[in-house]
Amino acid sequence: MRLSHRLYVIGVGPGDPELLTLKAVRIIKEVPVLFVPKGREDGKSIALSIVSRAVDISGKEIRELHFPMVKTRQGDVEQLMRWEIITGEIINALESSSCAFLTMGDPSFYSTFFYLYNRLLDSRPGLIVEIIPGVSSINAGAARAGVPLGLADERIAIIPANYFDPYQADPYFSTKLSGEVTVIDSFDTVVFMKIDRNFEDIRRFLLEKGLDKKAVYISRVGMEGEKVVRDIEALSQDDLDYFSLLIVRRR
């Protein structure tokens, strides 16, 4: 069955409502239904709070979706069922009208939406999904810190820090000539995302490499409580936040 209504997937940026694109604002104003993800059933959607400060959403139907904000594990029946339930909710709404799905940052960049994408298309092969890009926390963080992410021939690596072991050799960059080489040795700029869980290991590693003065910590960019810290030795556990990143530039 082909759906005539369209699903818009909208990146709302990292937190500052003024970073919403003009296209995002226009579509949010036009569609009657907004799907908004949240990490806890009793929690609130940060994406919706960003939008509500830029767009009048009174009169719109707001549908909250509780996402399993954990690493997706193959064969996890409970997780798979949750994805299927969410897919069904969206498909059912699209029978009546076009809808928008709000996601923080940019939809193509570590976005939960793409866990749904193929499920939606498998369920309704004729479904039109239009993805509206948004400002990522990396771009916003680099701008706030006043540092370039890459120049000329420089190479950039982006690492989800909560899955990263700084002391483990990276097999993609190990050779017989260079021996064991970590990702920090192979790129000019390395961005560690969501640094709060294993910050101490990464900080110790950067100190050993002599790169601690080359790092800048940014948290809650565009939100209340935003921090930009250039002396990572001064950071305490209380300073760390889930919405955080660390930009390390070797040059």
C-alpha atoms as a PDB file:
ATOM      1  CA  MET A   1       0.000   0.000   0.000  1.00  0.00           C
ATOM      2  CA  ARG A   2       1.415   3.373  -1.009  1.00  0.00           C
ATOM      3  CA  LEU A   3       1.153   6.319   1.372  1.00  0.00           C
ATOM      4  CA  SER A   4       0.511   9.709  -0.179  1.00  0.00           C
ATOM      5  CA  HIS A   5       1.634  11.521   2.934  1.00  0.00           C
ATOM      6  CA  ARG A   6       5.268  12.326   3.552  1.00  0.00           C
ATOM      7  CA  LEU A   7       7.496  11.849   6.588  1.00  0.00           C
ATOM      8  CA  TYR A   8       9.894  14.708   7.235  1.00  0.00           C
ATOM      9  CA  VAL A   9      12.899  13.906   9.411  1.00  0.00           C
ATOM     10  CA  ILE A  10      14.155  17.200  10.789  1.00  0.00           C
ATOM     11  CA  GLY A  11      17.480  17.919  12.444  1.00  0.00           C
ATOM     12  CA  VAL A  12      16.854  20.623  15.042  1.00  0.00           C
ATOM     13  CA  GLY A  13      20.506  21.291  15.902  1.00  0.00           C
ATOM     14  CA  PRO A  14      22.332  20.820  19.209  1.00  0.00           C
ATOM     15  CA  GLY A  15      20.301  23.112  21.428  1.00  0.00           C
ATOM     16  CA  ASP A  16      20.172  26.725  20.287  1.00  0.00           C
ATOM     17  CA  PRO A  17      16.787  27.324  18.590  1.00  0.00           C
ATOM     18  CA  GLU A  18      18.367  30.005  16.407  1.00  0.00           C
ATOM     19  CA  LEU A  19      20.351  27.238  14.688  1.00  0.00           C
ATOM     20  CA  LEU A  20      17.170  25.757  13.210  1.00  0.00           C
ATOM     21  CA  THR A  21      17.229  26.091   9.441  1.00  0.00           C
ATOM     22  CA  LEU A  22      14.591  28.110   7.605  1.00  0.00           C
ATOM     23  CA  LYS A  23      13.413  24.926   5.895  1.00  0.00           C
ATOM     24  CA  ALA A  24      13.061  23.134   9.228  1.00  0.00           C
ATOM     25  CA  VAL A  25      10.969  25.986  10.638  1.00  0.00           C
ATOM     26  CA  ARG A  26       8.741  26.087   7.549  1.00  0.00           C
ATOM     27  CA  ILE A  27       7.981  22.368   7.582  1.00  0.00           C
ATOM     28  CA  ILE A  28       7.377  22.277  11.344  1.00  0.00           C
ATOM     29  CA  LYS A  29       4.826  25.055  10.884  1.00  0.00           C
ATOM     30  CA  GLU A  30       3.116  23.180   8.040  1.00  0.00           C
ATOM     31  CA  VAL A  31       2.743  19.621   9.352  1.00  0.00           C
ATOM     32  CA  PRO A  32      -0.015  18.816  11.868  1.00  0.00           C
ATOM     33  CA  VAL A  33       1.783  15.951  13.656  1.00  0.00           C
ATOM     34  CA  LEU A  34       5.181  16.002  15.340  1.00  0.00           C
ATOM     35  CA  PHE A  35       6.917  12.849  16.507  1.00  0.00           C
ATOM     36  CA  VAL A  36       9.413  13.590  19.269  1.00  0.00           C
ATOM     37  CA  PRO A  37      11.890  11.082  20.740  1.00  0.00           C
ATOM     38  CA  LYS A  38      12.762  10.884  24.403  1.00  0.00           C
ATOM     39  CA  GLY A  39      15.161   8.650  26.297  1.00  0.00           C
ATOM     40  CA  ARG A  40      12.907   7.908  29.288  1.00  0.00           C
ATOM     41  CA  GLU A  41       9.188   7.269  29.374  1.00  0.00           C
ATOM     42  CA  ASP A  42       8.777   9.790  32.192  1.00  0.00           C
ATOM     43  CA  GLY A  43      11.206  12.258  30.607  1.00  0.00           C
ATOM     44  CA  LYS A  44      10.816  15.167  28.216  1.00  0.00           C
ATOM     45  CA  SER A  45      11.934  15.553  24.618  1.00  0.00           C
ATOM     46  CA  ILE A  46      14.884  17.936  24.292  1.00  0.00           C
ATOM     47  CA  ALA A  47      14.260  18.181  20.533  1.00  0.00           C
ATOM     48  CA  LEU A  48      10.722  19.421  21.203  1.00  0.00           C
ATOM     49  CA  SER A  49      11.929  21.946  23.776  1.00  0.00           C
ATOM     50  CA  ILE A  50      14.324  23.388  21.182  1.00  0.00           C
ATOM     51  CA  VAL A  51      11.601  23.696  18.561  1.00  0.00           C
ATOM     52  CA  SER A  52       9.045  25.170  20.962  1.00  0.00           C
ATOM     53  CA  ARG A  53      11.326  28.152  21.568  1.00  0.00           C
ATOM     54  CA  ALA A  54      11.368  28.982  17.847  1.00  0.00           C
ATOM     55  CA  VAL A  55       8.007  27.847  16.485  1.00  0.00           C
ATOM     56  CA  ASP A  56       4.444  28.140  17.774  1.00  0.00           C
ATOM     57  CA  ILE A  57       3.424  24.487  18.111  1.00  0.00           C
ATOM     58  CA  SER A  58       0.060  25.115  19.766  1.00  0.00           C
ATOM     59  CA  GLY A  59      -2.657  23.110  18.075  1.00  0.00           C
ATOM     60  CA  LYS A  60      -0.270  20.466  16.768  1.00  0.00           C
ATOM     61  CA  GLU A  61      -0.546  16.832  17.703  1.00  0.00           C
ATOM     62  CA  ILE A  62       2.576  15.879  19.646  1.00  0.00           C
ATOM     63  CA  ARG A  63       3.378  12.166  19.733  1.00  0.00           C
ATOM     64  CA  GLU A  64       6.141  11.197  22.138  1.00  0.00           C
ATOM     65  CA  LEU A  65       8.225   8.139  21.292  1.00  0.00           C
ATOM     66  CA  HIS A  66      10.202   6.381  23.985  1.00  0.00           C
ATOM     67  CA  PHE A  67      13.409   5.176  22.348  1.00  0.00           C
ATOM     68  CA  PRO A  68      15.674   2.518  23.857  1.00  0.00           C
ATOM     69  CA  MET A  69      18.726   4.776  24.275  1.00  0.00           C
ATOM     70  CA  VAL A  70      21.166   1.888  24.561  1.00  0.00           C
ATOM     71  CA  LYS A  71      23.482   0.189  22.136  1.00  0.00           C
ATOM     72  CA  THR A  72      21.357  -1.918  19.820  1.00  0.00           C
ATOM     73  CA  ARG A  73      22.117  -5.595  20.331  1.00  0.00           C
ATOM     74  CA  GLN A  74      21.385  -8.139  17.651  1.00  0.00           C
ATOM     75  CA  GLY A  75      18.803 -10.643  18.808  1.00  0.00           C
ATOM     76  CA  ASP A  76      17.486  -8.489  21.673  1.00  0.00           C
ATOM     77  CA  VAL A  77      13.769  -9.344  21.390  1.00  0.00           C
ATOM     78  CA  GLU A  78      12.592  -6.546  23.683  1.00  0.00           C
ATOM     79  CA  GLN A  79      14.505  -3.912  21.715  1.00  0.00           C
ATOM     80  CA  LEU A  80      13.303  -5.267  18.382  1.00  0.00           C
ATOM     81  CA  MET A  81       9.705  -5.204  19.582  1.00  0.00           C
ATOM     82  CA  ARG A  82      10.109  -1.601  20.688  1.00  0.00           C
ATOM     83  CA  TRP A  83      11.391  -0.577  17.238  1.00  0.00           C
ATOM     84  CA  GLU A  84       8.445  -2.355  15.593  1.00  0.00           C
ATOM     85  CA  ILE A  85       5.931  -0.622  17.875  1.00  0.00           C
ATOM     86  CA  ILE A  86       7.411   2.796  17.062  1.00  0.00           C
ATOM     87  CA  THR A  87       7.405   1.980  13.335  1.00  0.00           C
ATOM     88  CA  GLY A  88       3.721   1.044  13.539  1.00  0.00           C
ATOM     89  CA  GLU A  89       2.844   4.285  15.341  1.00  0.00           C
ATOM     90  CA  ILE A  90       4.469   6.383  12.621  1.00  0.00           C
ATOM     91  CA  ILE A  91       2.923   4.415   9.754  1.00  0.00           C
ATOM     92  CA  ASN A  92      -0.537   4.690  11.311  1.00  0.00           C
ATOM     93  CA  ALA A  93      -0.204   8.470  11.658  1.00  0.00           C
ATOM     94  CA  LEU A  94       0.917   8.810   8.039  1.00  0.00           C
ATOM     95  CA  GLU A  95      -2.360   7.272   6.901  1.00  0.00           C
ATOM     96  CA  SER A  96      -4.042  10.560   7.876  1.00  0.00           C
ATOM     97  CA  SER A  97      -1.466  13.303   7.277  1.00  0.00           C
ATOM     98  CA  SER A  98       2.131  14.187   6.650  1.00  0.00           C
ATOM     99  CA  CYS A  99       4.245  14.151   9.817  1.00  0.00           C
ATOM    100  CA  ALA A 100       7.587  15.396  11.061  1.00  0.00           C
ATOM    101  CA  PHE A 101      10.055  13.433  13.174  1.00  0.00           C
ATOM    102  CA  LEU A 102      12.306  15.732  15.226  1.00  0.00           C
ATOM    103  CA  THR A 103      15.830  14.711  16.092  1.00  0.00           C
ATOM    104  CA  MET A 104      18.664  16.604  17.741  1.00  0.00           C
ATOM    105  CA  GLY A 105      21.683  17.611  15.695  1.00  0.00           C
ATOM    106  CA  ASP A 106      21.677  16.210  12.173  1.00  0.00           C
ATOM    107  CA  PRO A 107      19.520  13.183  11.238  1.00  0.00           C
ATOM    108  CA  SER A 108      22.337  11.419   9.366  1.00  0.00           C
ATOM    109  CA  PHE A 109      24.870  11.755  12.173  1.00  0.00           C
ATOM    110  CA  TYR A 110      24.484   9.228  15.033  1.00  0.00           C
ATOM    111  CA  SER A 111      20.738   9.733  14.902  1.00  0.00           C
ATOM    112  CA  THR A 112      18.344   7.234  16.423  1.00  0.00           C
ATOM    113  CA  PHE A 113      16.029   7.705  13.439  1.00  0.00           C
ATOM    114  CA  PHE A 114      18.085   5.464  11.171  1.00  0.00           C
ATOM    115  CA  TYR A 115      17.221   2.476  13.340  1.00  0.00           C
ATOM    116  CA  LEU A 116      13.697   3.065  12.007  1.00  0.00           C
ATOM    117  CA  TYR A 117      14.448   4.027   8.422  1.00  0.00           C
ATOM    118  CA  ASN A 118      14.602   0.589   6.779  1.00  0.00           C
ATOM    119  CA  ARG A 119      11.756  -0.680   8.931  1.00  0.00           C
ATOM    120  CA  LEU A 120       9.538   2.136   7.685  1.00  0.00           C
ATOM    121  CA  LEU A 121      10.446   1.521   4.041  1.00  0.00           C
ATOM    122  CA  ASP A 122       9.985  -2.233   4.407  1.00  0.00           C
ATOM    123  CA  SER A 123       6.588  -1.655   5.949  1.00  0.00           C
ATOM    124  CA  ARG A 124       5.488   0.845   3.283  1.00  0.00           C
ATOM    125  CA  PRO A 125       7.717   0.647   0.169  1.00  0.00           C
ATOM    126  CA  GLY A 126       6.061   3.717  -1.356  1.00  0.00           C
ATOM    127  CA  LEU A 127       6.700   5.950   1.632  1.00  0.00           C
ATOM    128  CA  ILE A 128       8.467   9.221   0.848  1.00  0.00           C
ATOM    129  CA  VAL A 129      10.926  10.218   3.577  1.00  0.00           C
ATOM    130  CA  GLU A 130      12.507  13.653   3.258  1.00  0.00           C
ATOM    131  CA  ILE A 131      15.496  14.305   5.509  1.00  0.00           C
ATOM    132  CA  ILE A 132      16.165  17.900   6.523  1.00  0.00           C
ATOM    133  CA  PRO A 133      19.768  18.359   7.688  1.00  0.00           C
ATOM    134  CA  GLY A 134      20.605  20.166  10.891  1.00  0.00           C
ATOM    135  CA  VAL A 135      23.652  21.636  12.606  1.00  0.00           C
ATOM    136  CA  SER A 136      25.615  18.926  14.429  1.00  0.00           C
ATOM    137  CA  SER A 137      27.065  19.362  17.899  1.00  0.00           C
ATOM    138  CA  ILE A 138      30.532  18.966  16.385  1.00  0.00           C
ATOM    139  CA  ASN A 139      30.090  21.934  14.042  1.00  0.00           C
ATOM    140  CA  ALA A 140      28.468  24.035  16.759  1.00  0.00           C
ATOM    141  CA  GLY A 141      31.100  23.021  19.324  1.00  0.00           C
ATOM    142  CA  ALA A 142      34.017  23.850  17.039  1.00  0.00           C
ATOM    143  CA  ALA A 143      32.425  27.216  16.271  1.00  0.00           C
ATOM    144  CA  ARG A 144      31.951  28.029  19.961  1.00  0.00           C
ATOM    145  CA  ALA A 145      35.527  27.005  20.742  1.00  0.00           C
ATOM    146  CA  GLY A 146      36.893  28.900  17.729  1.00  0.00           C
ATOM    147  CA  VAL A 147      38.872  25.958  16.381  1.00  0.00           C
ATOM    148  CA  PRO A 148      38.967  24.534  12.841  1.00  0.00           C
ATOM    149  CA  LEU A 149      38.066  20.894  12.383  1.00  0.00           C
ATOM    150  CA  GLY A 150      40.188  20.469   9.274  1.00  0.00           C
ATOM    151  CA  LEU A 151      42.394  22.514   6.945  1.00  0.00           C
ATOM    152  CA  ALA A 152      43.965  21.657   3.590  1.00  0.00           C
ATOM    153  CA  ASP A 153      45.072  17.991   3.620  1.00  0.00           C
ATOM    154  CA  GLU A 154      44.310  17.330   7.295  1.00  0.00           C
ATOM    155  CA  ARG A 155      42.422  14.192   8.239  1.00  0.00           C
ATOM    156  CA  ILE A 156      39.583  14.075  10.761  1.00  0.00           C
ATOM    157  CA  ALA A 157      38.346  11.181  12.897  1.00  0.00           C
ATOM    158  CA  ILE A 158      35.096  11.157  14.863  1.00  0.00           C
ATOM    159  CA  ILE A 159      34.930   8.658  17.708  1.00  0.00           C
ATOM    160  CA  PRO A 160      31.939   7.716  19.894  1.00  0.00           C
ATOM    161  CA  ALA A 161      33.921   7.855  23.127  1.00  0.00           C
ATOM    162  CA  ASN A 162      31.623   5.596  25.134  1.00  0.00           C
ATOM    163  CA  TYR A 163      32.661   2.671  22.871  1.00  0.00           C
ATOM    164  CA  PHE A 164      36.359   3.613  22.641  1.00  0.00           C
ATOM    165  CA  ASP A 165      39.419   2.252  24.435  1.00  0.00           C
ATOM    166  CA  PRO A 166      42.267   4.768  23.994  1.00  0.00           C
ATOM    167  CA  TYR A 167      44.895   2.158  24.858  1.00  0.00           C
ATOM    168  CA  GLN A 168      43.796  -0.360  22.256  1.00  0.00           C
ATOM    169  CA  ALA A 169      45.720  -0.345  19.003  1.00  0.00           C
ATOM    170  CA  ASP A 170      43.530   0.468  16.026  1.00  0.00           C
ATOM    171  CA  PRO A 171      43.802  -2.390  13.514  1.00  0.00           C
ATOM    172  CA  TYR A 172      42.870  -0.082  10.643  1.00  0.00           C
ATOM    173  CA  PHE A 173      46.062   1.921  11.126  1.00  0.00           C
ATOM    174  CA  SER A 174      48.505  -0.754  12.271  1.00  0.00           C
ATOM    175  CA  THR A 175      51.215  -1.785   9.826  1.00  0.00           C
ATOM    176  CA  LYS A 176      54.383  -3.867   9.991  1.00  0.00           C
ATOM    177  CA  LEU A 177      56.399  -0.688   9.624  1.00  0.00           C
ATOM    178  CA  SER A 178      54.643   1.443  12.217  1.00  0.00           C
ATOM    179  CA  GLY A 179      53.705  -1.253  14.701  1.00  0.00           C
ATOM    180  CA  GLU A 180      50.743  -0.615  16.945  1.00  0.00           C
ATOM    181  CA  VAL A 181      49.204   2.735  16.091  1.00  0.00           C
ATOM    182  CA  THR A 182      46.190   4.292  17.781  1.00  0.00           C
ATOM    183  CA  VAL A 183      43.655   6.523  16.085  1.00  0.00           C
ATOM    184  CA  ILE A 184      45.120   9.583  17.805  1.00  0.00           C
ATOM    185  CA  ASP A 185      48.435   8.945  15.971  1.00  0.00           C
ATOM    186  CA  SER A 186      46.776   8.725  12.572  1.00  0.00           C
ATOM    187  CA  PHE A 187      44.644  11.861  12.317  1.00  0.00           C
ATOM    188  CA  ASP A 188      45.256  15.598  12.595  1.00  0.00           C
ATOM    189  CA  THR A 189      41.956  16.205  14.383  1.00  0.00           C
ATOM    190  CA  VAL A 190      40.125  13.696  16.549  1.00  0.00           C
ATOM    191  CA  VAL A 191      36.679  14.447  17.946  1.00  0.00           C
ATOM    192  CA  PHE A 192      35.514  12.305  20.863  1.00  0.00           C
ATOM    193  CA  MET A 193      31.741  12.395  21.295  1.00  0.00           C
ATOM    194  CA  LYS A 194      29.892  11.779  24.567  1.00  0.00           C
ATOM    195  CA  ILE A 195      33.081  11.867  26.587  1.00  0.00           C
ATOM    196  CA  ASP A 196      31.553  11.656  30.074  1.00  0.00           C
ATOM    197  CA  ARG A 197      31.818   7.892  30.726  1.00  0.00           C
ATOM    198  CA  ASN A 198      35.489   7.270  30.055  1.00  0.00           C
ATOM    199  CA  PHE A 199      36.890  10.782  30.206  1.00  0.00           C
ATOM    200  CA  GLU A 200      39.538   9.833  32.781  1.00  0.00           C
ATOM    201  CA  ASP A 201      41.062   7.161  30.520  1.00  0.00           C
ATOM    202  CA  ILE A 202      41.148   9.505  27.535  1.00  0.00           C
ATOM    203  CA  ARG A 203      42.541  12.402  29.584  1.00  0.00           C
ATOM    204  CA  ARG A 204      45.333  10.171  30.963  1.00  0.00           C
ATOM    205  CA  PHE A 205      46.083   8.942  27.455  1.00  0.00           C
ATOM    206  CA  LEU A 206      46.321  12.516  26.087  1.00  0.00           C
ATOM    207  CA  LEU A 207      48.618  13.522  28.963  1.00  0.00           C
ATOM    208  CA  GLU A 208      50.924  10.611  28.138  1.00  0.00           C
ATOM    209  CA  LYS A 209      50.931  11.635  24.471  1.00  0.00           C
ATOM    210  CA  GLY A 210      51.632  15.275  25.327  1.00  0.00           C
ATOM    211  CA  LEU A 211      48.372  16.325  23.680  1.00  0.00           C
ATOM    212  CA  ASP A 212      46.478  17.580  26.723  1.00  0.00           C
ATOM    213  CA  LYS A 213      47.143  21.211  25.765  1.00  0.00           C
ATOM    214  CA  LYS A 214      45.845  20.471  22.261  1.00  0.00           C
ATOM    215  CA  ALA A 215      42.392  19.467  23.521  1.00  0.00           C
ATOM    216  CA  VAL A 216      39.271  21.521  24.179  1.00  0.00           C
ATOM    217  CA  TYR A 217      36.200  20.225  26.009  1.00  0.00           C
ATOM    218  CA  ILE A 218      32.742  21.476  25.027  1.00  0.00           C
ATOM    219  CA  SER A 219      29.524  20.469  26.771  1.00  0.00           C
ATOM    220  CA  ARG A 220      25.861  21.357  26.310  1.00  0.00           C
ATOM    221  CA  VAL A 221      26.644  23.517  23.297  1.00  0.00           C
ATOM    222  CA  GLY A 222      23.739  25.860  22.616  1.00  0.00           C
ATOM    223  CA  MET A 223      21.985  24.818  25.835  1.00  0.00           C
ATOM    224  CA  GLU A 224      21.759  26.236  29.319  1.00  0.00           C
ATOM    225  CA  GLY A 225      24.974  25.465  31.196  1.00  0.00           C
ATOM    226  CA  GLU A 226      27.200  25.427  28.117  1.00  0.00           C
ATOM    227  CA  LYS A 227      30.913  25.024  28.912  1.00  0.00           C
ATOM    228  CA  VAL A 228      34.077  25.451  26.860  1.00  0.00           C
ATOM    229  CA  VAL A 229      37.154  24.287  28.798  1.00  0.00           C
ATOM    230  CA  ARG A 230      40.661  24.474  27.336  1.00  0.00           C
ATOM    231  CA  ASP A 231      42.499  23.088  30.359  1.00  0.00           C
ATOM    232  CA  ILE A 232      41.272  19.496  30.575  1.00  0.00           C
ATOM    233  CA  GLU A 233      43.408  18.861  33.678  1.00  0.00           C
ATOM    234  CA  ALA A 234      41.088  21.251  35.547  1.00  0.00           C
ATOM    235  CA  LEU A 235      37.950  19.248  34.725  1.00  0.00           C
ATOM    236  CA  SER A 236      36.327  17.311  37.560  1.00  0.00           C
ATOM    237  CA  GLN A 237      33.724  14.560  37.366  1.00  0.00           C
ATOM    238  CA  ASP A 238      31.039  17.115  38.243  1.00  0.00           C
ATOM    239  CA  ASP A 239      31.924  19.105  35.107  1.00  0.00           C
ATOM    240  CA  LEU A 240      31.227  16.184  32.776  1.00  0.00           C
ATOM    241  CA  ASP A 241      27.979  15.903  30.869  1.00  0.00           C
ATOM    242  CA  TYR A 242      26.320  13.419  28.511  1.00  0.00           C
ATOM    243  CA  PHE A 243      26.062  16.154  25.872  1.00  0.00           C
ATOM    244  CA  SER A 244      29.801  16.667  25.567  1.00  0.00           C
ATOM    245  CA  LEU A 245      32.672  16.363  23.147  1.00  0.00           C
ATOM    246  CA  LEU A 246      36.428  16.744  23.114  1.00  0.00           C
ATOM    247  CA  ILE A 247      38.249  18.171  20.105  1.00  0.00           C
ATOM    248  CA  VAL A 248      41.936  17.276  19.857  1.00  0.00           C
ATOM    249  CA  ARG A 249      44.049  18.992  17.182  1.00  0.00           C
ATOM    250  CA  ARG A 250      47.605  17.779  16.812  1.00  0.00           C
ATOM    251  CA  ARG A 251      48.800  20.746  14.764  1.00  0.00           C
END
